């Protein structure tokens, strides 16, 4: 299977000893549950394998790529002209972006999976769940009012932490937040953007907060996304985060 072949480098490095089963398969990527080797630091790990560019379905991906800096002229020209080399670079860009964002945010203490390695079109990371079941999406988790308020407050803290590291998730929703052992863990960072260079950063932050507020409103959490956006963005703009 193509996806499993993509994981060969992880097997060769001893990071993975067994590819067990598919956890999730979508248009953008497939996620595999794997048994981790000693070098992985975890008995179970998740391998996210990205689809090739013509198969994936990142919507309006130009919005996320605005402000991206490509310093080497040869690479910049290849991407602009969409040569074969340029298309391969585009495929790898999403992998690199997710890996870099997870590395930065996990080191900062954010509630994201621990990144382990990246190779080709795959990212290896901490698995959230147990051997029987993967952690459910927040959308499908059952929380009481107190749990919901704690989860919302912690997620808001995370958004502030990310922004202090110049990162906006840009596609946040209850679909890419996992809930496990009373913790909300955010996943899926390939579309995350650099708030310093992307002109859409404030708008994307506002959208993330709108999705978050809309979901938690069902539990009685009353927060205004516009006010939260104004507060976060103004503090970020004046380096007060």
Protein backbone atom coordinates (compact mmCIF):
# COMPACT_ATOMS: atom_id res chain seq x y z
CA UNK A 1 0.00 0.00 0.00
CA UNK A 2 1.39 3.43 -0.95
CA UNK A 3 0.79 4.96 2.47
CA UNK A 4 2.61 2.14 4.24
CA UNK A 5 5.54 2.41 1.82
CA UNK A 6 5.81 6.08 2.79
CA UNK A 7 6.43 4.94 6.36
CA UNK A 8 9.47 2.83 5.41
CA UNK A 9 11.96 5.50 6.60
CA UNK A 10 10.39 5.43 10.06
CA UNK A 11 10.64 1.64 10.10
CA UNK A 12 14.26 1.78 8.96
CA UNK A 13 15.13 4.26 11.73
CA UNK A 14 13.50 2.10 14.40
CA UNK A 15 10.90 4.75 15.16
CA UNK A 16 8.13 2.38 14.06
CA UNK A 17 8.15 -1.40 14.49
CA UNK A 18 4.66 -2.20 13.18
CA UNK A 19 2.00 -0.43 11.13
CA UNK A 20 -1.20 -1.51 12.85
CA UNK A 21 -4.27 0.10 11.27
CA UNK A 22 -5.76 3.23 9.78
CA UNK A 23 -7.18 5.66 12.33
CA UNK A 24 -8.50 8.18 9.84
CA UNK A 25 -8.54 8.53 6.07
CA UNK A 26 -9.54 11.74 4.33
CA UNK A 27 -8.92 13.73 1.18
CA UNK A 28 -5.90 15.53 2.63
CA UNK A 29 -4.21 12.74 4.57
CA UNK A 30 -4.47 9.32 6.17
CA UNK A 31 -3.46 8.69 9.78
CA UNK A 32 -2.03 5.32 10.80
CA UNK A 33 -1.69 3.85 14.26
CA UNK A 34 1.78 2.34 14.62
CA UNK A 35 3.72 0.55 17.30
CA UNK A 36 6.60 2.76 18.29
CA UNK A 37 10.18 1.59 18.60
CA UNK A 38 12.56 2.58 21.42
CA UNK A 39 13.68 5.65 19.48
CA UNK A 40 10.11 6.97 19.30
CA UNK A 41 9.78 7.33 23.05
CA UNK A 42 6.18 6.02 23.01
CA UNK A 43 4.69 2.52 22.65
CA UNK A 44 2.07 3.84 20.21
CA UNK A 45 2.57 6.61 17.65
CA UNK A 46 0.51 8.20 14.88
CA UNK A 47 1.81 8.56 11.33
CA UNK A 48 0.08 11.18 9.20
CA UNK A 49 0.60 10.58 5.48
CA UNK A 50 -0.35 13.40 3.13
CA UNK A 51 -2.04 12.80 -0.18
CA UNK A 52 -0.32 13.95 -3.36
CA UNK A 53 -1.23 17.46 -4.50
CA UNK A 54 -3.72 16.33 -7.14
CA UNK A 55 -5.62 14.21 -4.59
CA UNK A 56 -5.71 16.51 -1.60
CA UNK A 57 -8.43 19.05 -1.02
CA UNK A 58 -7.05 21.95 1.00
CA UNK A 59 -9.67 24.58 0.28
CA UNK A 60 -8.48 28.01 -0.89
CA UNK A 61 -4.90 27.11 -0.07
CA UNK A 62 -3.67 30.40 -1.57
CA UNK A 63 -5.04 32.14 1.54
CA UNK A 64 -2.66 30.17 3.74
CA UNK A 65 0.34 30.60 1.46
CA UNK A 66 0.14 34.40 1.23
CA UNK A 67 3.16 36.06 2.78
CA UNK A 68 5.23 32.88 2.55
CA UNK A 69 8.88 33.73 2.00
CA UNK A 70 10.89 31.59 -0.43
CA UNK A 71 14.42 32.94 -0.39
CA UNK A 72 16.08 30.77 -3.03
CA UNK A 73 15.26 32.05 -6.51
CA UNK A 74 15.40 28.61 -8.17
CA UNK A 75 12.84 27.23 -5.74
CA UNK A 76 10.64 30.32 -5.96
CA UNK A 77 10.57 30.16 -9.77
CA UNK A 78 9.79 26.41 -9.76
CA UNK A 79 6.84 26.94 -7.41
CA UNK A 80 5.53 29.93 -9.38
CA UNK A 81 5.76 28.08 -12.70
CA UNK A 82 4.33 24.89 -11.17
CA UNK A 83 7.02 22.68 -12.65
CA UNK A 84 7.25 19.05 -11.55
CA UNK A 85 9.95 20.06 -9.08
CA UNK A 86 7.75 22.92 -7.92
CA UNK A 87 4.77 20.62 -7.37
CA UNK A 88 6.93 18.25 -5.34
CA UNK A 89 8.04 21.18 -3.22
CA UNK A 90 4.42 22.17 -2.67
CA UNK A 91 3.60 18.65 -1.48
CA UNK A 92 6.48 18.79 0.97
CA UNK A 93 5.59 22.28 2.17
CA UNK A 94 2.47 21.11 4.02
CA UNK A 95 4.44 18.36 5.78
CA UNK A 96 7.21 20.76 6.77
CA UNK A 97 4.75 23.36 8.00
CA UNK A 98 2.94 20.90 10.25
CA UNK A 99 6.18 19.48 11.60
CA UNK A 100 7.65 22.93 12.29
CA UNK A 101 4.47 24.23 13.93
CA UNK A 102 4.16 21.17 16.19
CA UNK A 103 7.83 21.40 17.15
CA UNK A 104 7.58 25.09 18.05
CA UNK A 105 4.30 24.79 19.92
CA UNK A 106 5.07 21.59 21.81
CA UNK A 107 8.34 23.11 23.02
CA UNK A 108 6.36 26.13 24.22
CA UNK A 109 4.03 23.92 26.27
CA UNK A 110 0.99 23.99 23.98
CA UNK A 111 -1.58 21.20 24.03
CA UNK A 112 -0.55 19.57 20.76
CA UNK A 113 0.82 16.10 19.95
CA UNK A 114 4.54 15.66 20.51
CA UNK A 115 6.26 15.62 17.10
CA UNK A 116 8.70 12.75 16.60
CA UNK A 117 9.94 12.89 13.01
CA UNK A 118 9.05 13.87 9.46
CA UNK A 119 10.01 12.22 6.18
CA UNK A 120 8.86 12.83 2.62
CA UNK A 121 5.11 13.23 2.84
CA UNK A 122 4.60 11.94 6.38
CA UNK A 123 4.76 13.29 9.93
CA UNK A 124 5.24 10.95 12.89
CA UNK A 125 3.81 12.18 16.17
CA UNK A 126 2.45 11.24 19.56
CA UNK A 127 -0.72 9.15 19.40
CA UNK A 128 -3.66 10.39 21.46
CA UNK A 129 -5.79 7.48 22.66
CA UNK A 130 -5.22 3.87 23.64
CA UNK A 131 -4.72 0.67 21.66
CA UNK A 132 -8.47 0.06 21.38
CA UNK A 133 -9.66 3.54 20.45
CA UNK A 134 -8.27 6.84 19.24
CA UNK A 135 -9.29 9.93 21.19
CA UNK A 136 -12.64 11.28 19.98
CA UNK A 137 -12.99 14.62 18.27
CA UNK A 138 -14.27 17.37 20.54
CA UNK A 139 -17.37 17.39 18.33
CA UNK A 140 -18.23 13.89 19.57
CA UNK A 141 -17.10 14.24 23.18
CA UNK A 142 -19.64 14.58 25.99
CA UNK A 143 -18.78 17.32 28.48
CA UNK A 144 -20.65 18.80 31.40
CA UNK A 145 -20.82 22.58 31.84
CA UNK A 146 -17.78 22.77 34.14
CA UNK A 147 -15.66 20.58 31.86
CA UNK A 148 -16.67 22.67 28.86
CA UNK A 149 -15.70 25.93 30.55
CA UNK A 150 -12.31 24.51 31.56
CA UNK A 151 -11.71 23.20 28.05
CA UNK A 152 -12.68 26.52 26.47
CA UNK A 153 -10.45 28.52 28.82
CA UNK A 154 -7.52 26.21 28.13
CA UNK A 155 -8.05 26.39 24.37
CA UNK A 156 -8.17 30.17 24.53
CA UNK A 157 -4.91 30.07 26.47
CA UNK A 158 -3.49 27.91 23.68
CA UNK A 159 -4.52 30.37 20.96
CA UNK A 160 -2.79 33.14 22.88
CA UNK A 161 0.34 31.02 23.29
CA UNK A 162 0.39 30.16 19.57
CA UNK A 163 0.01 33.81 18.62
CA UNK A 164 2.88 34.72 20.94
CA UNK A 165 4.93 32.37 18.73
CA UNK A 166 3.55 34.07 15.57
CA UNK A 167 1.30 31.12 14.71
CA UNK A 168 -2.40 31.09 13.84
CA UNK A 169 -3.96 27.66 13.35
CA UNK A 170 -6.22 29.03 10.57
CA UNK A 171 -8.51 25.99 10.38
CA UNK A 172 -9.55 25.41 13.98
CA UNK A 173 -12.85 23.69 14.73
CA UNK A 174 -14.31 20.95 16.91
CA UNK A 175 -13.25 18.50 14.19
CA UNK A 176 -9.52 18.94 14.77
CA UNK A 177 -9.54 19.13 18.54
CA UNK A 178 -9.27 15.79 20.34
CA UNK A 179 -10.60 15.24 23.86
CA UNK A 180 -8.81 12.68 25.97
CA UNK A 181 -8.47 12.23 29.73
CA UNK A 182 -10.04 15.63 30.43
CA UNK A 183 -7.72 17.42 28.01
CA UNK A 184 -8.35 19.12 24.68
CA UNK A 185 -5.47 18.47 22.27
CA UNK A 186 -5.32 20.37 18.99
CA UNK A 187 -4.20 18.66 15.79
CA UNK A 188 -3.88 19.44 12.06
CA UNK A 189 -1.44 22.31 11.60
CA UNK A 190 -0.46 22.13 7.89
CA UNK A 191 -2.45 25.25 7.10
CA UNK A 192 -1.19 27.23 10.07
CA UNK A 193 0.19 30.60 9.08
CA UNK A 194 2.86 33.06 10.19
CA UNK A 195 1.03 36.01 11.72
CA UNK A 196 3.95 38.31 10.92
CA UNK A 197 3.81 37.88 7.16
CA UNK A 198 0.37 36.60 6.16
CA UNK A 199 -2.02 39.51 5.50
CA UNK A 200 -4.99 37.26 6.33
CA UNK A 201 -3.76 36.48 9.85
CA UNK A 202 -6.26 38.57 11.80
CA UNK A 203 -9.17 37.33 9.72
CA UNK A 204 -8.10 33.70 10.16
CA UNK A 205 -7.68 34.19 13.90
CA UNK A 206 -11.20 35.63 14.03
CA UNK A 207 -12.53 32.62 12.17
CA UNK A 208 -10.80 30.20 14.56
CA UNK A 209 -12.30 32.02 17.55
CA UNK A 210 -15.75 32.12 15.95
CA UNK A 211 -15.70 28.35 15.46
CA UNK A 212 -14.54 27.85 19.04
CA UNK A 213 -17.18 30.14 20.57
CA UNK A 214 -19.92 28.67 18.42
CA UNK A 215 -19.13 25.12 19.54
CA UNK A 216 -18.92 25.91 23.25
CA UNK A 217 -22.06 28.02 23.23
CA UNK A 218 -24.02 24.75 23.32
CA UNK A 219 -22.62 24.20 26.83
CA UNK A 220 -23.57 27.66 28.01
CA UNK A 221 -20.11 29.19 27.56
CA UNK A 222 -20.83 32.81 26.67
CA UNK A 223 -17.94 34.53 24.90
CA UNK A 224 -17.86 37.01 22.04
CA UNK A 225 -15.49 35.99 19.25
CA UNK A 226 -15.13 39.55 17.94
CA UNK A 227 -14.13 40.87 21.37
CA UNK A 228 -11.67 38.03 21.89
CA UNK A 229 -10.14 38.63 18.47
CA UNK A 230 -9.74 42.36 19.14
CA UNK A 231 -8.13 41.69 22.51
CA UNK A 232 -5.70 39.04 21.28
CA UNK A 233 -4.75 40.81 18.08
CA UNK A 234 -4.21 44.21 19.71
CA UNK A 235 -1.98 42.68 22.38
CA UNK A 236 -0.08 40.76 19.72
CA UNK A 237 0.36 43.89 17.59
CA UNK A 238 1.83 45.75 20.56
CA UNK A 239 3.99 42.80 21.68
CA UNK A 240 2.06 42.35 24.91
CA UNK A 241 1.38 38.62 24.73
